[in-house]
Amino acid sequence: MPPGERYNKIRTGCLAFRGDQGRFAMEVILTGTEIHVLRGILETDIMNLEKGASGAESPKALGELKEKVKVLKSIAEKLPVELATV
């Protein structure tokens, strides 16, 4: 790790079981640079999926694309606010 490089902890999910579907806690430790890159990837994928949703031919495909967008936005919201420099 380069001197002065900060690590940020990202906590996602929670340990809760509903029926046979469970959500598991996950902790990922990322550097500022990794957060910046991940945010860029998520934003690009969200934009591309939203474009695809506008041209979806079937209701099922549209629903699947909207669900993916929702999940990716949820992940992006859990990322810490970016620091001034990366």
Protein backbone atom coordinates (compact mmCIF):
# COMPACT_ATOMS: atom_id res chain seq x y z
CA MET A 1 0.00 0.00 0.00
CA PRO A 2 1.48 3.37 -0.99
CA PRO A 3 2.25 5.69 1.95
CA GLY A 4 -0.75 7.75 2.92
CA GLU A 5 -3.19 5.63 0.89
CA ARG A 6 -6.39 5.32 2.86
CA TYR A 7 -8.55 2.26 3.02
CA ASN A 8 -12.30 2.57 3.25
CA LYS A 9 -14.57 -0.12 4.56
CA ILE A 10 -17.78 -0.78 2.70
CA ARG A 11 -20.44 -2.73 4.52
CA THR A 12 -23.19 -4.22 2.43
CA GLY A 13 -26.23 -6.27 3.18
CA CYS A 14 -27.19 -7.74 6.50
CA LEU A 15 -27.56 -11.19 7.93
CA ALA A 16 -31.29 -11.82 7.76
CA PHE A 17 -33.18 -14.79 6.49
CA ARG A 18 -36.62 -14.67 4.93
CA GLY A 19 -37.89 -18.07 3.89
CA ASP A 20 -35.28 -19.79 1.76
CA GLN A 21 -33.82 -16.50 0.51
CA GLY A 22 -31.04 -15.11 2.65
CA ARG A 23 -29.01 -11.94 2.62
CA PHE A 24 -25.45 -12.18 3.81
CA ALA A 25 -23.23 -9.46 5.20
CA MET A 26 -20.13 -8.65 3.24
CA GLU A 27 -17.28 -6.34 4.06
CA VAL A 28 -14.89 -5.16 1.37
CA ILE A 29 -11.90 -2.94 2.02
CA LEU A 30 -11.06 -0.69 -0.94
CA THR A 31 -8.55 2.07 -1.57
CA GLY A 32 -9.71 5.47 -2.78
CA THR A 33 -8.55 4.57 -6.29
CA GLU A 34 -10.48 1.29 -6.22
CA ILE A 35 -13.62 3.12 -5.06
CA HIS A 36 -13.22 5.64 -7.89
CA VAL A 37 -12.82 2.89 -10.51
CA LEU A 38 -15.73 0.83 -9.13
CA ARG A 39 -18.00 3.88 -9.11
CA GLY A 40 -17.08 4.60 -12.75
CA ILE A 41 -17.81 1.03 -13.79
CA LEU A 42 -21.16 1.04 -11.98
CA GLU A 43 -22.19 4.38 -13.49
CA THR A 44 -21.28 3.21 -17.01
CA ASP A 45 -23.15 -0.07 -16.59
CA ILE A 46 -26.21 1.70 -15.15
CA MET A 47 -26.26 4.11 -18.10
CA ASN A 48 -25.93 1.27 -20.63
CA LEU A 49 -28.66 -0.80 -18.96
CA GLU A 50 -31.00 2.19 -18.89
CA LYS A 51 -30.41 2.71 -22.62
CA GLY A 52 -31.12 -0.99 -23.18
CA ALA A 53 -34.30 -0.74 -21.14
CA SER A 54 -35.62 1.99 -23.42
CA GLY A 55 -35.32 -0.42 -26.35
CA ALA A 56 -36.49 -3.57 -24.58
CA GLU A 57 -38.95 -5.48 -26.72
CA SER A 58 -40.65 -7.61 -24.08
CA PRO A 59 -42.04 -6.76 -20.66
CA LYS A 60 -39.94 -9.58 -19.17
CA ALA A 61 -36.70 -8.17 -20.62
CA LEU A 62 -37.65 -4.67 -19.45
CA GLY A 63 -38.33 -5.95 -15.94
CA GLU A 64 -34.99 -7.78 -15.80
CA LEU A 65 -33.08 -4.70 -16.98
CA LYS A 66 -34.87 -2.47 -14.46
CA GLU A 67 -34.04 -4.92 -11.66
CA LYS A 68 -30.35 -4.92 -12.64
CA VAL A 69 -30.32 -1.11 -12.68
CA LYS A 70 -31.93 -1.06 -9.23
CA VAL A 71 -29.31 -3.45 -7.82
CA LEU A 72 -26.37 -1.57 -9.35
CA LYS A 73 -27.70 1.75 -8.04
CA SER A 74 -28.04 0.20 -4.59
CA ILE A 75 -24.39 -0.88 -4.70
CA ALA A 76 -23.26 2.57 -5.90
CA GLU A 77 -25.17 4.24 -3.05
CA LYS A 78 -23.25 2.15 -0.52
CA LEU A 79 -19.89 3.43 -1.75
CA PRO A 80 -18.44 6.21 0.39
CA VAL A 81 -18.38 9.71 -1.03
CA GLU A 82 -15.20 10.11 -3.05
CA LEU A 83 -12.32 12.01 -1.54
CA ALA A 84 -10.78 15.02 -3.31
CA THR A 85 -7.94 13.16 -5.04
CA VAL A 86 -7.57 9.62 -6.23
